[in-house]
Amino acid sequence: MLVAVCVIAFVIHRSYQASQASPWTDVSTAMRHYDYPKALKLTEELVAAHPDDYYPHSYLGYIYLQMGDLAHAEAEYSHSYDLWPSEDMKKKLEAVRKREESGNSKTK
């Protein structure tokens, strides 16, 4: 399931990157080097510059997911879904919520 999320995020990222090359190139480079703090900072700047664009929120959710921060990943995917209620985004959001639930049931 995580592989599917990664592939989908990559495909969306590539199509978006073609139209927004410069800032996303730096984010992509940071992600390829597993520099999540840098990718997070750069993507947060993109979210601040484009708060009503679903894609930066979706990618921020992906970064949080890679960092293991399910609560923030869920919040960003949820915000992205509110901005662009696609089936793909719904699946990402449901997958994170399912992981959160399974993690919470283990701690009880």
C-alpha atoms as a PDB file:
ATOM      1  CA  MET A   1       0.000   0.000   0.000  1.00  0.00           C
ATOM      2  CA  LEU A   2       2.814   2.398   0.897  1.00  0.00           C
ATOM      3  CA  VAL A   3       4.478   1.659  -2.430  1.00  0.00           C
ATOM      4  CA  ALA A   4       1.273   2.659  -4.238  1.00  0.00           C
ATOM      5  CA  VAL A   5       1.132   5.912  -2.277  1.00  0.00           C
ATOM      6  CA  CYS A   6       4.763   6.615  -3.153  1.00  0.00           C
ATOM      7  CA  VAL A   7       4.205   5.903  -6.846  1.00  0.00           C
ATOM      8  CA  ILE A   8       1.104   8.080  -6.955  1.00  0.00           C
ATOM      9  CA  ALA A   9       2.874  10.922  -5.161  1.00  0.00           C
ATOM     10  CA  PHE A  10       5.790  10.618  -7.571  1.00  0.00           C
ATOM     11  CA  VAL A  11       3.545  10.733 -10.651  1.00  0.00           C
ATOM     12  CA  ILE A  12       1.615  13.728  -9.330  1.00  0.00           C
ATOM     13  CA  HIS A  13       4.861  15.399  -8.352  1.00  0.00           C
ATOM     14  CA  ARG A  14       6.364  14.912 -11.828  1.00  0.00           C
ATOM     15  CA  SER A  15       3.344  16.380 -13.611  1.00  0.00           C
ATOM     16  CA  TYR A  16       3.227  19.318 -11.221  1.00  0.00           C
ATOM     17  CA  GLN A  17       6.994  19.755 -11.399  1.00  0.00           C
ATOM     18  CA  ALA A  18       6.824  20.306 -15.142  1.00  0.00           C
ATOM     19  CA  SER A  19       4.811  23.482 -14.579  1.00  0.00           C
ATOM     20  CA  GLN A  20       6.503  24.567 -11.326  1.00  0.00           C
ATOM     21  CA  ALA A  21      10.096  23.457 -11.877  1.00  0.00           C
ATOM     22  CA  SER A  22      12.243  25.597  -9.611  1.00  0.00           C
ATOM     23  CA  PRO A  23      10.887  25.247  -6.054  1.00  0.00           C
ATOM     24  CA  TRP A  24       9.843  21.630  -6.522  1.00  0.00           C
ATOM     25  CA  THR A  25      13.261  20.672  -7.817  1.00  0.00           C
ATOM     26  CA  ASP A  26      14.738  21.535  -4.427  1.00  0.00           C
ATOM     27  CA  VAL A  27      12.016  19.585  -2.607  1.00  0.00           C
ATOM     28  CA  SER A  28      12.534  16.593  -4.868  1.00  0.00           C
ATOM     29  CA  THR A  29      16.292  16.683  -4.350  1.00  0.00           C
ATOM     30  CA  ALA A  30      15.849  16.810  -0.581  1.00  0.00           C
ATOM     31  CA  MET A  31      13.475  13.843  -0.708  1.00  0.00           C
ATOM     32  CA  ARG A  32      15.851  11.801  -2.868  1.00  0.00           C
ATOM     33  CA  HIS A  33      18.535  12.416  -0.242  1.00  0.00           C
ATOM     34  CA  TYR A  34      16.126  11.526   2.604  1.00  0.00           C
ATOM     35  CA  ASP A  35      16.572  15.042   3.976  1.00  0.00           C
ATOM     36  CA  TYR A  36      13.045  15.224   5.335  1.00  0.00           C
ATOM     37  CA  PRO A  37      13.589  18.310   7.515  1.00  0.00           C
ATOM     38  CA  LYS A  38      14.746  20.284   4.468  1.00  0.00           C
ATOM     39  CA  ALA A  39      11.926  18.923   2.286  1.00  0.00           C
ATOM     40  CA  LEU A  40       9.467  19.787   5.048  1.00  0.00           C
ATOM     41  CA  LYS A  41      10.741  23.357   5.329  1.00  0.00           C
ATOM     42  CA  LEU A  42      10.684  23.909   1.568  1.00  0.00           C
ATOM     43  CA  THR A  43       7.209  22.431   1.199  1.00  0.00           C
ATOM     44  CA  GLU A  44       5.871  24.478   4.112  1.00  0.00           C
ATOM     45  CA  GLU A  45       7.099  27.565   2.231  1.00  0.00           C
ATOM     46  CA  LEU A  46       5.191  26.397  -0.850  1.00  0.00           C
ATOM     47  CA  VAL A  47       2.061  25.848   1.242  1.00  0.00           C
ATOM     48  CA  ALA A  48       2.400  29.366   2.656  1.00  0.00           C
ATOM     49  CA  ALA A  49       2.784  30.793  -0.850  1.00  0.00           C
ATOM     50  CA  HIS A  50      -0.106  28.728  -2.262  1.00  0.00           C
ATOM     51  CA  PRO A  51      -2.461  27.909   0.639  1.00  0.00           C
ATOM     52  CA  ASP A  52      -5.400  27.075  -1.621  1.00  0.00           C
ATOM     53  CA  ASP A  53      -3.467  24.663  -3.837  1.00  0.00           C
ATOM     54  CA  TYR A  54      -4.106  21.026  -2.942  1.00  0.00           C
ATOM     55  CA  TYR A  55      -0.761  19.723  -4.175  1.00  0.00           C
ATOM     56  CA  PRO A  56       1.627  21.291  -1.626  1.00  0.00           C
ATOM     57  CA  HIS A  57      -0.666  20.066   1.160  1.00  0.00           C
ATOM     58  CA  SER A  58      -0.688  16.587  -0.339  1.00  0.00           C
ATOM     59  CA  TYR A  59       3.080  16.530  -0.632  1.00  0.00           C
ATOM     60  CA  LEU A  60       3.436  17.843   2.894  1.00  0.00           C
ATOM     61  CA  GLY A  61       1.253  14.933   3.996  1.00  0.00           C
ATOM     62  CA  TYR A  62       3.552  12.573   2.124  1.00  0.00           C
ATOM     63  CA  ILE A  63       6.635  14.033   3.834  1.00  0.00           C
ATOM     64  CA  TYR A  64       5.021  13.723   7.269  1.00  0.00           C
ATOM     65  CA  LEU A  65       4.101  10.134   6.413  1.00  0.00           C
ATOM     66  CA  GLN A  66       7.719   9.384   5.505  1.00  0.00           C
ATOM     67  CA  MET A  67       8.774  10.929   8.816  1.00  0.00           C
ATOM     68  CA  GLY A  68       6.300   8.726  10.713  1.00  0.00           C
ATOM     69  CA  ASP A  69       4.158  11.659  11.850  1.00  0.00           C
ATOM     70  CA  LEU A  70       0.727  10.222  11.125  1.00  0.00           C
ATOM     71  CA  ALA A  71      -1.240  12.995  12.844  1.00  0.00           C
ATOM     72  CA  HIS A  72       0.293  15.725  10.683  1.00  0.00           C
ATOM     73  CA  ALA A  73       0.109  13.517   7.577  1.00  0.00           C
ATOM     74  CA  GLU A  74      -3.608  12.995   8.192  1.00  0.00           C
ATOM     75  CA  ALA A  75      -4.169  16.724   8.714  1.00  0.00           C
ATOM     76  CA  GLU A  76      -2.405  17.669   5.479  1.00  0.00           C
ATOM     77  CA  TYR A  77      -4.043  14.927   3.408  1.00  0.00           C
ATOM     78  CA  SER A  78      -7.395  15.993   4.859  1.00  0.00           C
ATOM     79  CA  HIS A  79      -6.761  19.619   3.920  1.00  0.00           C
ATOM     80  CA  SER A  80      -5.671  18.544   0.452  1.00  0.00           C
ATOM     81  CA  TYR A  81      -8.835  16.450   0.092  1.00  0.00           C
ATOM     82  CA  ASP A  82     -10.958  19.445   1.113  1.00  0.00           C
ATOM     83  CA  LEU A  83      -9.315  21.456  -1.668  1.00  0.00           C
ATOM     84  CA  TRP A  84      -9.437  18.656  -4.274  1.00  0.00           C
ATOM     85  CA  PRO A  85     -11.816  15.826  -3.346  1.00  0.00           C
ATOM     86  CA  SER A  86     -10.482  13.166  -5.694  1.00  0.00           C
ATOM     87  CA  GLU A  87     -10.689   9.413  -5.259  1.00  0.00           C
ATOM     88  CA  ASP A  88      -6.890   9.256  -5.125  1.00  0.00           C
ATOM     89  CA  MET A  89      -6.703  11.748  -2.272  1.00  0.00           C
ATOM     90  CA  LYS A  90      -9.516   9.953  -0.457  1.00  0.00           C
ATOM     91  CA  LYS A  91      -7.531   6.691  -0.618  1.00  0.00           C
ATOM     92  CA  LYS A  92      -4.396   8.356   0.771  1.00  0.00           C
ATOM     93  CA  LEU A  93      -6.386   9.875   3.610  1.00  0.00           C
ATOM     94  CA  GLU A  94      -8.107   6.577   4.417  1.00  0.00           C
ATOM     95  CA  ALA A  95      -4.780   4.733   4.399  1.00  0.00           C
ATOM     96  CA  VAL A  96      -3.268   7.158   6.911  1.00  0.00           C
ATOM     97  CA  ARG A  97      -6.360   6.993   9.127  1.00  0.00           C
ATOM     98  CA  LYS A  98      -6.230   3.198   9.041  1.00  0.00           C
ATOM     99  CA  ARG A  99      -2.573   3.264  10.110  1.00  0.00           C
ATOM    100  CA  GLU A 100      -3.411   5.710  12.899  1.00  0.00           C
ATOM    101  CA  GLU A 101      -6.218   3.439  14.130  1.00  0.00           C
ATOM    102  CA  SER A 102      -4.036   0.349  14.087  1.00  0.00           C
ATOM    103  CA  GLY A 103      -1.318   2.232  15.982  1.00  0.00           C
ATOM    104  CA  ASN A 104      -3.777   3.477  18.563  1.00  0.00           C
ATOM    105  CA  SER A 105      -5.250   0.009  19.110  1.00  0.00           C
ATOM    106  CA  LYS A 106      -1.757  -1.345  19.861  1.00  0.00           C
ATOM    107  CA  THR A 107      -1.202   1.235  22.597  1.00  0.00           C
ATOM    108  CA  LYS A 108      -4.476   0.482  24.423  1.00  0.00           C
END
